[in-house]
mmCIF file of all heavy atoms, coordinates in Angstrom:
data_MODEL
# 
_entry.id   MODEL 
# 
loop_
_atom_site.group_PDB 
_atom_site.id 
_atom_site.type_symbol 
_atom_site.label_atom_id 
_atom_site.label_alt_id 
_atom_site.label_comp_id 
_atom_site.label_asym_id 
_atom_site.label_entity_id 
_atom_site.label_seq_id 
_atom_site.pdbx_PDB_ins_code 
_atom_site.Cartn_x 
_atom_site.Cartn_y 
_atom_site.Cartn_z 
_atom_site.occupancy 
_atom_site.B_iso_or_equiv 
_atom_site.pdbx_formal_charge 
_atom_site.auth_seq_id 
_atom_site.auth_comp_id 
_atom_site.auth_asym_id 
_atom_site.auth_atom_id 
_atom_site.pdbx_PDB_model_num 
ATOM 1   N N   . ARG A 1 1  ? 4.205   8.887   0.496   1.00 0.00 ? 1  ARG A N   1 
ATOM 2   C CA  . ARG A 1 1  ? 2.887   9.333   0.220   1.00 0.00 ? 1  ARG A CA  1 
ATOM 3   C C   . ARG A 1 1  ? 1.991   8.155   0.757   1.00 0.00 ? 1  ARG A C   1 
ATOM 4   O O   . ARG A 1 1  ? 2.153   7.020   0.380   1.00 0.00 ? 1  ARG A O   1 
ATOM 5   C CB  . ARG A 1 1  ? 2.617   9.576   -1.166  1.00 0.00 ? 1  ARG A CB  1 
ATOM 6   C CG  . ARG A 1 1  ? 1.213   10.130  -1.503  1.00 0.00 ? 1  ARG A CG  1 
ATOM 7   C CD  . ARG A 1 1  ? 1.266   11.213  -2.566  1.00 0.00 ? 1  ARG A CD  1 
ATOM 8   N NE  . ARG A 1 1  ? -0.075  11.816  -2.699  1.00 0.00 ? 1  ARG A NE  1 
ATOM 9   C CZ  . ARG A 1 1  ? -0.390  12.936  -2.255  1.00 0.00 ? 1  ARG A CZ  1 
ATOM 10  N NH1 . ARG A 1 1  ? 0.493   13.635  -1.562  1.00 0.00 ? 1  ARG A NH1 1 
ATOM 11  N NH2 . ARG A 1 1  ? -1.573  13.492  -2.472  1.00 0.00 ? 1  ARG A NH2 1 
ATOM 12  N N   . VAL A 1 2  ? 0.930   8.570   1.577   1.00 0.00 ? 2  VAL A N   1 
ATOM 13  C CA  . VAL A 1 2  ? -0.034  7.644   2.085   1.00 0.00 ? 2  VAL A CA  1 
ATOM 14  C C   . VAL A 1 2  ? -1.299  7.860   1.283   1.00 0.00 ? 2  VAL A C   1 
ATOM 15  O O   . VAL A 1 2  ? -1.730  9.022   1.124   1.00 0.00 ? 2  VAL A O   1 
ATOM 16  C CB  . VAL A 1 2  ? -0.261  7.849   3.549   1.00 0.00 ? 2  VAL A CB  1 
ATOM 17  C CG1 . VAL A 1 2  ? -1.400  6.914   4.082   1.00 0.00 ? 2  VAL A CG1 1 
ATOM 18  C CG2 . VAL A 1 2  ? 1.011   7.632   4.397   1.00 0.00 ? 2  VAL A CG2 1 
ATOM 19  N N   . VAL A 1 3  ? -1.877  6.739   0.768   1.00 0.00 ? 3  VAL A N   1 
ATOM 20  C CA  . VAL A 1 3  ? -3.091  6.856   -0.035  1.00 0.00 ? 3  VAL A CA  1 
ATOM 21  C C   . VAL A 1 3  ? -4.064  5.897   0.552   1.00 0.00 ? 3  VAL A C   1 
ATOM 22  O O   . VAL A 1 3  ? -3.798  4.680   0.732   1.00 0.00 ? 3  VAL A O   1 
ATOM 23  C CB  . VAL A 1 3  ? -2.768  6.464   -1.490  1.00 0.00 ? 3  VAL A CB  1 
ATOM 24  C CG1 . VAL A 1 3  ? -4.120  6.566   -2.336  1.00 0.00 ? 3  VAL A CG1 1 
ATOM 25  C CG2 . VAL A 1 3  ? -1.670  7.388   -2.074  1.00 0.00 ? 3  VAL A CG2 1 
ATOM 26  N N   . ILE A 1 4  ? -5.270  6.406   0.858   1.00 0.00 ? 4  ILE A N   1 
ATOM 27  C CA  . ILE A 1 4  ? -6.340  5.584   1.343   1.00 0.00 ? 4  ILE A CA  1 
ATOM 28  C C   . ILE A 1 4  ? -7.471  5.655   0.288   1.00 0.00 ? 4  ILE A C   1 
ATOM 29  O O   . ILE A 1 4  ? -7.916  6.717   -0.041  1.00 0.00 ? 4  ILE A O   1 
ATOM 30  C CB  . ILE A 1 4  ? -6.909  6.120   2.720   1.00 0.00 ? 4  ILE A CB  1 
ATOM 31  C CG1 . ILE A 1 4  ? -5.834  6.372   3.713   1.00 0.00 ? 4  ILE A CG1 1 
ATOM 32  C CG2 . ILE A 1 4  ? -7.995  5.085   3.238   1.00 0.00 ? 4  ILE A CG2 1 
ATOM 33  C CD1 . ILE A 1 4  ? -4.930  5.208   4.102   1.00 0.00 ? 4  ILE A CD1 1 
ATOM 34  N N   . ASP A 1 5  ? -7.903  4.490   -0.176  1.00 0.00 ? 5  ASP A N   1 
ATOM 35  C CA  . ASP A 1 5  ? -8.805  4.461   -1.392  1.00 0.00 ? 5  ASP A CA  1 
ATOM 36  C C   . ASP A 1 5  ? -9.948  3.501   -1.037  1.00 0.00 ? 5  ASP A C   1 
ATOM 37  O O   . ASP A 1 5  ? -9.818  2.656   -0.126  1.00 0.00 ? 5  ASP A O   1 
ATOM 38  C CB  . ASP A 1 5  ? -8.035  3.930   -2.535  1.00 0.00 ? 5  ASP A CB  1 
ATOM 39  C CG  . ASP A 1 5  ? -8.335  4.646   -3.789  1.00 0.00 ? 5  ASP A CG  1 
ATOM 40  O OD1 . ASP A 1 5  ? -9.263  5.511   -3.842  1.00 0.00 ? 5  ASP A OD1 1 
ATOM 41  O OD2 . ASP A 1 5  ? -7.626  4.391   -4.812  1.00 0.00 ? 5  ASP A OD2 1 
ATOM 42  N N   . ARG A 1 6  ? -11.022 3.676   -1.718  1.00 0.00 ? 6  ARG A N   1 
ATOM 43  C CA  . ARG A 1 6  ? -12.196 2.754   -1.496  1.00 0.00 ? 6  ARG A CA  1 
ATOM 44  C C   . ARG A 1 6  ? -12.566 2.159   -2.816  1.00 0.00 ? 6  ARG A C   1 
ATOM 45  O O   . ARG A 1 6  ? -13.434 2.623   -3.537  1.00 0.00 ? 6  ARG A O   1 
ATOM 46  C CB  . ARG A 1 6  ? -13.352 3.595   -0.945  1.00 0.00 ? 6  ARG A CB  1 
ATOM 47  C CG  . ARG A 1 6  ? -14.507 2.676   -0.567  1.00 0.00 ? 6  ARG A CG  1 
ATOM 48  C CD  . ARG A 1 6  ? -15.649 3.515   -0.036  1.00 0.00 ? 6  ARG A CD  1 
ATOM 49  N NE  . ARG A 1 6  ? -16.781 2.677   0.393   1.00 0.00 ? 6  ARG A NE  1 
ATOM 50  C CZ  . ARG A 1 6  ? -17.896 3.142   0.732   1.00 0.00 ? 6  ARG A CZ  1 
ATOM 51  N NH1 . ARG A 1 6  ? -18.167 4.441   0.759   1.00 0.00 ? 6  ARG A NH1 1 
ATOM 52  N NH2 . ARG A 1 6  ? -18.913 2.331   1.116   1.00 0.00 ? 6  ARG A NH2 1 
ATOM 53  N N   . PRO A 1 7  ? -11.952 1.079   -3.168  1.00 0.00 ? 7  PRO A N   1 
ATOM 54  C CA  . PRO A 1 7  ? -12.213 0.395   -4.474  1.00 0.00 ? 7  PRO A CA  1 
ATOM 55  C C   . PRO A 1 7  ? -13.492 -0.345  -4.539  1.00 0.00 ? 7  PRO A C   1 
ATOM 56  O O   . PRO A 1 7  ? -13.956 -0.733  -5.633  1.00 0.00 ? 7  PRO A O   1 
ATOM 57  C CB  . PRO A 1 7  ? -10.978 -0.501  -4.651  1.00 0.00 ? 7  PRO A CB  1 
ATOM 58  C CG  . PRO A 1 7  ? -10.525 -0.826  -3.386  1.00 0.00 ? 7  PRO A CG  1 
ATOM 59  C CD  . PRO A 1 7  ? -10.820 0.433   -2.522  1.00 0.00 ? 7  PRO A CD  1 
ATOM 60  N N   . GLY A 1 8  ? -14.208 -0.564  -3.465  1.00 0.00 ? 8  GLY A N   1 
ATOM 61  C CA  . GLY A 1 8  ? -15.462 -1.284  -3.416  1.00 0.00 ? 8  GLY A CA  1 
ATOM 62  C C   . GLY A 1 8  ? -16.256 -0.712  -2.204  1.00 0.00 ? 8  GLY A C   1 
ATOM 63  O O   . GLY A 1 8  ? -15.756 -0.089  -1.364  1.00 0.00 ? 8  GLY A O   1 
ATOM 64  N N   . ALA A 1 9  ? -17.526 -1.071  -2.166  1.00 0.00 ? 9  ALA A N   1 
ATOM 65  C CA  . ALA A 1 9  ? -18.438 -0.610  -1.113  1.00 0.00 ? 9  ALA A CA  1 
ATOM 66  C C   . ALA A 1 9  ? -17.939 -0.979  0.279   1.00 0.00 ? 9  ALA A C   1 
ATOM 67  O O   . ALA A 1 9  ? -18.090 -0.126  1.204   1.00 0.00 ? 9  ALA A O   1 
ATOM 68  C CB  . ALA A 1 9  ? -19.847 -1.197  -1.359  1.00 0.00 ? 9  ALA A CB  1 
ATOM 69  N N   . ALA A 1 10 ? -17.339 -2.149  0.443   1.00 0.00 ? 10 ALA A N   1 
ATOM 70  C CA  . ALA A 1 10 ? -16.863 -2.537  1.800   1.00 0.00 ? 10 ALA A CA  1 
ATOM 71  C C   . ALA A 1 10 ? -15.390 -2.887  1.735   1.00 0.00 ? 10 ALA A C   1 
ATOM 72  O O   . ALA A 1 10 ? -14.841 -3.564  2.534   1.00 0.00 ? 10 ALA A O   1 
ATOM 73  C CB  . ALA A 1 10 ? -17.678 -3.789  2.268   1.00 0.00 ? 10 ALA A CB  1 
ATOM 74  N N   . ARG A 1 11 ? -14.641 -2.221  0.854   1.00 0.00 ? 11 ARG A N   1 
ATOM 75  C CA  . ARG A 1 11 ? -13.255 -2.514  0.635   1.00 0.00 ? 11 ARG A CA  1 
ATOM 76  C C   . ARG A 1 11 ? -12.444 -1.201  0.784   1.00 0.00 ? 11 ARG A C   1 
ATOM 77  O O   . ARG A 1 11 ? -12.804 -0.230  0.142   1.00 0.00 ? 11 ARG A O   1 
ATOM 78  C CB  . ARG A 1 11 ? -12.931 -3.163  -0.660  1.00 0.00 ? 11 ARG A CB  1 
ATOM 79  C CG  . ARG A 1 11 ? -11.508 -3.706  -0.750  1.00 0.00 ? 11 ARG A CG  1 
ATOM 80  C CD  . ARG A 1 11 ? -11.278 -4.297  -2.123  1.00 0.00 ? 11 ARG A CD  1 
ATOM 81  N NE  . ARG A 1 11 ? -11.289 -5.705  -2.339  1.00 0.00 ? 11 ARG A NE  1 
ATOM 82  C CZ  . ARG A 1 11 ? -10.644 -6.696  -1.665  1.00 0.00 ? 11 ARG A CZ  1 
ATOM 83  N NH1 . ARG A 1 11 ? -9.931  -6.435  -0.638  1.00 0.00 ? 11 ARG A NH1 1 
ATOM 84  N NH2 . ARG A 1 11 ? -10.744 -7.940  -2.090  1.00 0.00 ? 11 ARG A NH2 1 
ATOM 85  N N   . VAL A 1 12 ? -11.405 -1.215  1.614   1.00 0.00 ? 12 VAL A N   1 
ATOM 86  C CA  . VAL A 1 12 ? -10.557 -0.008  1.753   1.00 0.00 ? 12 VAL A CA  1 
ATOM 87  C C   . VAL A 1 12 ? -9.101  -0.502  1.376   1.00 0.00 ? 12 VAL A C   1 
ATOM 88  O O   . VAL A 1 12 ? -8.644  -1.497  1.836   1.00 0.00 ? 12 VAL A O   1 
ATOM 89  C CB  . VAL A 1 12 ? -10.598 0.561   3.198   1.00 0.00 ? 12 VAL A CB  1 
ATOM 90  C CG1 . VAL A 1 12 ? -9.485  1.641   3.353   1.00 0.00 ? 12 VAL A CG1 1 
ATOM 91  C CG2 . VAL A 1 12 ? -11.958 1.077   3.577   1.00 0.00 ? 12 VAL A CG2 1 
ATOM 92  N N   . ARG A 1 13 ? -8.438  0.293   0.538   1.00 0.00 ? 13 ARG A N   1 
ATOM 93  C CA  . ARG A 1 13 ? -7.019  -0.019  0.139   1.00 0.00 ? 13 ARG A CA  1 
ATOM 94  C C   . ARG A 1 13 ? -6.205  1.068   0.819   1.00 0.00 ? 13 ARG A C   1 
ATOM 95  O O   . ARG A 1 13 ? -6.404  2.265   0.688   1.00 0.00 ? 13 ARG A O   1 
ATOM 96  C CB  . ARG A 1 13 ? -6.800  0.077   -1.334  1.00 0.00 ? 13 ARG A CB  1 
ATOM 97  C CG  . ARG A 1 13 ? -5.377  -0.093  -1.683  1.00 0.00 ? 13 ARG A CG  1 
ATOM 98  C CD  . ARG A 1 13 ? -5.157  -0.477  -3.143  1.00 0.00 ? 13 ARG A CD  1 
ATOM 99  N NE  . ARG A 1 13 ? -5.487  -1.942  -3.325  1.00 0.00 ? 13 ARG A NE  1 
ATOM 100 C CZ  . ARG A 1 13 ? -5.290  -2.549  -4.443  1.00 0.00 ? 13 ARG A CZ  1 
ATOM 101 N NH1 . ARG A 1 13 ? -4.676  -1.941  -5.442  1.00 0.00 ? 13 ARG A NH1 1 
ATOM 102 N NH2 . ARG A 1 13 ? -5.639  -3.820  -4.526  1.00 0.00 ? 13 ARG A NH2 1 
ATOM 103 N N   . VAL A 1 14 ? -5.151  0.593   1.558   1.00 0.00 ? 14 VAL A N   1 
ATOM 104 C CA  . VAL A 1 14 ? -4.154  1.421   2.197   1.00 0.00 ? 14 VAL A CA  1 
ATOM 105 C C   . VAL A 1 14 ? -2.918  1.247   1.421   1.00 0.00 ? 14 VAL A C   1 
ATOM 106 O O   . VAL A 1 14 ? -2.405  0.145   1.249   1.00 0.00 ? 14 VAL A O   1 
ATOM 107 C CB  . VAL A 1 14 ? -4.014  0.962   3.668   1.00 0.00 ? 14 VAL A CB  1 
ATOM 108 C CG1 . VAL A 1 14 ? -2.948  1.791   4.387   1.00 0.00 ? 14 VAL A CG1 1 
ATOM 109 C CG2 . VAL A 1 14 ? -5.265  0.919   4.384   1.00 0.00 ? 14 VAL A CG2 1 
ATOM 110 N N   . GLY A 1 15 ? -2.291  2.331   0.986   1.00 0.00 ? 15 GLY A N   1 
ATOM 111 C CA  . GLY A 1 15 ? -1.048  2.283   0.253   1.00 0.00 ? 15 GLY A CA  1 
ATOM 112 C C   . GLY A 1 15 ? -0.041  3.308   0.722   1.00 0.00 ? 15 GLY A C   1 
ATOM 113 O O   . GLY A 1 15 ? -0.440  4.412   1.203   1.00 0.00 ? 15 GLY A O   1 
ATOM 114 N N   . VAL A 1 16 ? 1.225   2.919   0.664   1.00 0.00 ? 16 VAL A N   1 
ATOM 115 C CA  . VAL A 1 16 ? 2.317   3.804   1.005   1.00 0.00 ? 16 VAL A CA  1 
ATOM 116 C C   . VAL A 1 16 ? 3.322   3.780   -0.149  1.00 0.00 ? 16 VAL A C   1 
ATOM 117 O O   . VAL A 1 16 ? 3.829   2.726   -0.521  1.00 0.00 ? 16 VAL A O   1 
ATOM 118 C CB  . VAL A 1 16 ? 2.989   3.444   2.318   1.00 0.00 ? 16 VAL A CB  1 
ATOM 119 C CG1 . VAL A 1 16 ? 4.199   4.371   2.572   1.00 0.00 ? 16 VAL A CG1 1 
ATOM 120 C CG2 . VAL A 1 16 ? 2.018   3.514   3.487   1.00 0.00 ? 16 VAL A CG2 1 
ATOM 121 N N   . ALA A 1 17 ? 3.471   4.967   -0.769  1.00 0.00 ? 17 ALA A N   1 
ATOM 122 C CA  . ALA A 1 17 ? 4.360   5.066   -1.945  1.00 0.00 ? 17 ALA A CA  1 
ATOM 123 C C   . ALA A 1 17 ? 5.678   5.728   -1.506  1.00 0.00 ? 17 ALA A C   1 
ATOM 124 O O   . ALA A 1 17 ? 5.659   6.676   -0.671  1.00 0.00 ? 17 ALA A O   1 
ATOM 125 C CB  . ALA A 1 17 ? 3.679   5.970   -2.965  1.00 0.00 ? 17 ALA A CB  1 
ATOM 126 N N   . ASP A 1 18 ? 6.777   5.193   -2.055  1.00 0.00 ? 18 ASP A N   1 
ATOM 127 C CA  . ASP A 1 18 ? 8.048   5.881   -1.848  1.00 0.00 ? 18 ASP A CA  1 
ATOM 128 C C   . ASP A 1 18 ? 8.906   5.728   -3.113  1.00 0.00 ? 18 ASP A C   1 
ATOM 129 O O   . ASP A 1 18 ? 8.542   4.996   -4.043  1.00 0.00 ? 18 ASP A O   1 
ATOM 130 C CB  . ASP A 1 18 ? 8.791   5.222   -0.622  1.00 0.00 ? 18 ASP A CB  1 
ATOM 131 C CG  . ASP A 1 18 ? 9.166   3.811   -0.789  1.00 0.00 ? 18 ASP A CG  1 
ATOM 132 O OD1 . ASP A 1 18 ? 10.026  3.517   -1.629  1.00 0.00 ? 18 ASP A OD1 1 
ATOM 133 O OD2 . ASP A 1 18 ? 8.649   2.944   -0.057  1.00 0.00 ? 18 ASP A OD2 1 
ATOM 134 N N   . LEU A 1 19 ? 9.984   6.439   -3.091  1.00 0.00 ? 19 LEU A N   1 
ATOM 135 C CA  . LEU A 1 19 ? 10.825  6.500   -4.301  1.00 0.00 ? 19 LEU A CA  1 
ATOM 136 C C   . LEU A 1 19 ? 11.912  5.438   -4.416  1.00 0.00 ? 19 LEU A C   1 
ATOM 137 O O   . LEU A 1 19 ? 12.715  5.466   -5.246  1.00 0.00 ? 19 LEU A O   1 
ATOM 138 C CB  . LEU A 1 19 ? 11.478  7.893   -4.452  1.00 0.00 ? 19 LEU A CB  1 
ATOM 139 C CG  . LEU A 1 19 ? 10.502  9.047   -4.653  1.00 0.00 ? 19 LEU A CG  1 
ATOM 140 C CD1 . LEU A 1 19 ? 11.147  10.332  -4.669  1.00 0.00 ? 19 LEU A CD1 1 
ATOM 141 C CD2 . LEU A 1 19 ? 9.731   8.848   -5.976  1.00 0.00 ? 19 LEU A CD2 1 
ATOM 142 N N   . SER A 1 20 ? 11.906  4.452   -3.503  1.00 0.00 ? 20 SER A N   1 
ATOM 143 C CA  . SER A 1 20 ? 12.814  3.400   -3.535  1.00 0.00 ? 20 SER A CA  1 
ATOM 144 C C   . SER A 1 20 ? 12.188  2.222   -4.403  1.00 0.00 ? 20 SER A C   1 
ATOM 145 O O   . SER A 1 20 ? 11.062  1.857   -4.228  1.00 0.00 ? 20 SER A O   1 
ATOM 146 C CB  . SER A 1 20 ? 13.118  2.849   -2.102  1.00 0.00 ? 20 SER A CB  1 
ATOM 147 O OG  . SER A 1 20 ? 13.847  1.719   -2.163  1.00 0.00 ? 20 SER A OG  1 
ATOM 148 N N   . ARG A 1 21 ? 13.043  1.625   -5.216  1.00 0.00 ? 21 ARG A N   1 
ATOM 149 C CA  . ARG A 1 21 ? 12.616  0.449   -5.979  1.00 0.00 ? 21 ARG A CA  1 
ATOM 150 C C   . ARG A 1 21 ? 12.859  -0.818  -5.188  1.00 0.00 ? 21 ARG A C   1 
ATOM 151 O O   . ARG A 1 21 ? 12.571  -1.927  -5.640  1.00 0.00 ? 21 ARG A O   1 
ATOM 152 C CB  . ARG A 1 21 ? 13.243  0.461   -7.303  1.00 0.00 ? 21 ARG A CB  1 
ATOM 153 C CG  . ARG A 1 21 ? 12.766  1.676   -8.132  1.00 0.00 ? 21 ARG A CG  1 
ATOM 154 C CD  . ARG A 1 21 ? 13.186  1.532   -9.564  1.00 0.00 ? 21 ARG A CD  1 
ATOM 155 N NE  . ARG A 1 21 ? 12.711  0.307   -10.065 1.00 0.00 ? 21 ARG A NE  1 
ATOM 156 C CZ  . ARG A 1 21 ? 11.833  0.138   -11.073 1.00 0.00 ? 21 ARG A CZ  1 
ATOM 157 N NH1 . ARG A 1 21 ? 11.302  1.196   -11.590 1.00 0.00 ? 21 ARG A NH1 1 
ATOM 158 N NH2 . ARG A 1 21 ? 11.531  -1.052  -11.510 1.00 0.00 ? 21 ARG A NH2 1 
ATOM 159 N N   . LEU A 1 22 ? 13.487  -0.750  -4.053  1.00 0.00 ? 22 LEU A N   1 
ATOM 160 C CA  . LEU A 1 22 ? 13.790  -1.921  -3.202  1.00 0.00 ? 22 LEU A CA  1 
ATOM 161 C C   . LEU A 1 22 ? 12.420  -2.541  -2.694  1.00 0.00 ? 22 LEU A C   1 
ATOM 162 O O   . LEU A 1 22 ? 11.724  -1.780  -1.999  1.00 0.00 ? 22 LEU A O   1 
ATOM 163 C CB  . LEU A 1 22 ? 14.713  -1.536  -2.080  1.00 0.00 ? 22 LEU A CB  1 
ATOM 164 C CG  . LEU A 1 22 ? 15.196  -2.665  -1.131  1.00 0.00 ? 22 LEU A CG  1 
ATOM 165 C CD1 . LEU A 1 22 ? 16.090  -3.607  -1.883  1.00 0.00 ? 22 LEU A CD1 1 
ATOM 166 C CD2 . LEU A 1 22 ? 15.971  -2.046  0.002   1.00 0.00 ? 22 LEU A CD2 1 
ATOM 167 N N   . ARG A 1 23 ? 12.213  -3.739  -2.995  1.00 0.00 ? 23 ARG A N   1 
ATOM 168 C CA  . ARG A 1 23 ? 10.994  -4.382  -2.550  1.00 0.00 ? 23 ARG A CA  1 
ATOM 169 C C   . ARG A 1 23 ? 11.081  -4.893  -1.155  1.00 0.00 ? 23 ARG A C   1 
ATOM 170 O O   . ARG A 1 23 ? 12.078  -5.510  -0.721  1.00 0.00 ? 23 ARG A O   1 
ATOM 171 C CB  . ARG A 1 23 ? 10.718  -5.604  -3.473  1.00 0.00 ? 23 ARG A CB  1 
ATOM 172 C CG  . ARG A 1 23 ? 10.418  -5.123  -4.886  1.00 0.00 ? 23 ARG A CG  1 
ATOM 173 C CD  . ARG A 1 23 ? 10.301  -6.414  -5.783  1.00 0.00 ? 23 ARG A CD  1 
ATOM 174 N NE  . ARG A 1 23 ? 9.138   -7.266  -5.414  1.00 0.00 ? 23 ARG A NE  1 
ATOM 175 C CZ  . ARG A 1 23 ? 7.977   -7.146  -5.865  1.00 0.00 ? 23 ARG A CZ  1 
ATOM 176 N NH1 . ARG A 1 23 ? 7.620   -6.261  -6.756  1.00 0.00 ? 23 ARG A NH1 1 
ATOM 177 N NH2 . ARG A 1 23 ? 7.005   -8.054  -5.492  1.00 0.00 ? 23 ARG A NH2 1 
ATOM 178 N N   . PRO A 1 24 ? 10.046  -4.668  -0.374  1.00 0.00 ? 24 PRO A N   1 
ATOM 179 C CA  . PRO A 1 24 ? 10.086  -5.258  1.041   1.00 0.00 ? 24 PRO A CA  1 
ATOM 180 C C   . PRO A 1 24 ? 9.917   -6.702  0.994   1.00 0.00 ? 24 PRO A C   1 
ATOM 181 O O   . PRO A 1 24 ? 9.356   -7.332  0.070   1.00 0.00 ? 24 PRO A O   1 
ATOM 182 C CB  . PRO A 1 24 ? 8.765   -4.607  1.685   1.00 0.00 ? 24 PRO A CB  1 
ATOM 183 C CG  . PRO A 1 24 ? 7.919   -4.238  0.554   1.00 0.00 ? 24 PRO A CG  1 
ATOM 184 C CD  . PRO A 1 24 ? 8.800   -3.974  -0.637  1.00 0.00 ? 24 PRO A CD  1 
ATOM 185 N N   . VAL A 1 25 ? 10.535  -7.341  1.973   1.00 0.00 ? 25 VAL A N   1 
ATOM 186 C CA  . VAL A 1 25 ? 10.590  -8.865  2.075   1.00 0.00 ? 25 VAL A CA  1 
ATOM 187 C C   . VAL A 1 25 ? 9.957   -9.262  3.363   1.00 0.00 ? 25 VAL A C   1 
ATOM 188 O O   . VAL A 1 25 ? 10.336  -8.831  4.441   1.00 0.00 ? 25 VAL A O   1 
ATOM 189 C CB  . VAL A 1 25 ? 12.083  -9.300  1.979   1.00 0.00 ? 25 VAL A CB  1 
ATOM 190 C CG1 . VAL A 1 25 ? 12.128  -10.821 2.127   1.00 0.00 ? 25 VAL A CG1 1 
ATOM 191 C CG2 . VAL A 1 25 ? 12.695  -8.870  0.667   1.00 0.00 ? 25 VAL A CG2 1 
ATOM 192 N N   . GLN A 1 26 ? 9.069   -10.206 3.249   1.00 0.00 ? 26 GLN A N   1 
ATOM 193 C CA  . GLN A 1 26 ? 8.450   -10.796 4.385   1.00 0.00 ? 26 GLN A CA  1 
ATOM 194 C C   . GLN A 1 26 ? 9.419   -11.823 4.907   1.00 0.00 ? 26 GLN A C   1 
ATOM 195 O O   . GLN A 1 26 ? 9.847   -12.746 4.203   1.00 0.00 ? 26 GLN A O   1 
ATOM 196 C CB  . GLN A 1 26 ? 7.106   -11.439 4.025   1.00 0.00 ? 26 GLN A CB  1 
ATOM 197 C CG  . GLN A 1 26 ? 6.277   -11.940 5.148   1.00 0.00 ? 26 GLN A CG  1 
ATOM 198 C CD  . GLN A 1 26 ? 4.881   -12.375 4.706   1.00 0.00 ? 26 GLN A CD  1 
ATOM 199 O OE1 . GLN A 1 26 ? 4.376   -12.020 3.734   1.00 0.00 ? 26 GLN A OE1 1 
ATOM 200 N NE2 . GLN A 1 26 ? 4.315   -13.265 5.509   1.00 0.00 ? 26 GLN A NE2 1 
ATOM 201 N N   . ARG A 1 27 ? 9.758   -11.702 6.142   1.00 0.00 ? 27 ARG A N   1 
ATOM 202 C CA  . ARG A 1 27 ? 10.821  -12.694 6.667   1.00 0.00 ? 27 ARG A CA  1 
ATOM 203 C C   . ARG A 1 27 ? 10.354  -13.247 8.055   1.00 0.00 ? 27 ARG A C   1 
ATOM 204 O O   . ARG A 1 27 ? 9.500   -12.810 8.678   1.00 0.00 ? 27 ARG A O   1 
ATOM 205 C CB  . ARG A 1 27 ? 12.149  -11.965 6.771   1.00 0.00 ? 27 ARG A CB  1 
ATOM 206 C CG  . ARG A 1 27 ? 12.210  -10.847 7.817   1.00 0.00 ? 27 ARG A CG  1 
ATOM 207 C CD  . ARG A 1 27 ? 13.587  -10.208 7.755   1.00 0.00 ? 27 ARG A CD  1 
ATOM 208 N NE  . ARG A 1 27 ? 13.708  -9.216  8.815   1.00 0.00 ? 27 ARG A NE  1 
ATOM 209 C CZ  . ARG A 1 27 ? 14.179  -9.342  10.005  1.00 0.00 ? 27 ARG A CZ  1 
ATOM 210 N NH1 . ARG A 1 27 ? 14.630  -10.531 10.389  1.00 0.00 ? 27 ARG A NH1 1 
ATOM 211 N NH2 . ARG A 1 27 ? 14.250  -8.360  10.867  1.00 0.00 ? 27 ARG A NH2 1 
ATOM 212 N N   . GLU A 1 28 ? 11.095  -14.311 8.397   1.00 0.00 ? 28 GLU A N   1 
ATOM 213 C CA  . GLU A 1 28 ? 10.876  -14.944 9.689   1.00 0.00 ? 28 GLU A CA  1 
ATOM 214 C C   . GLU A 1 28 ? 11.686  -14.150 10.731  1.00 0.00 ? 28 GLU A C   1 
ATOM 215 O O   . GLU A 1 28 ? 12.849  -13.903 10.539  1.00 0.00 ? 28 GLU A O   1 
ATOM 216 C CB  . GLU A 1 28 ? 11.345  -16.351 9.662   1.00 0.00 ? 28 GLU A CB  1 
ATOM 217 C CG  . GLU A 1 28 ? 10.587  -17.294 8.814   1.00 0.00 ? 28 GLU A CG  1 
ATOM 218 C CD  . GLU A 1 28 ? 9.149   -17.569 9.347   1.00 0.00 ? 28 GLU A CD  1 
ATOM 219 O OE1 . GLU A 1 28 ? 9.021   -17.505 10.570  1.00 0.00 ? 28 GLU A OE1 1 
ATOM 220 O OE2 . GLU A 1 28 ? 8.278   -17.783 8.513   1.00 0.00 ? 28 GLU A OE2 1 
# 
């Protein structure tokens, strides 16, 4: 599920929801 929200006048939140509890890892 892709969710695009506007929590502030000049702020946009982009979210992607999925059913996995596995957290993404930022890697080199």
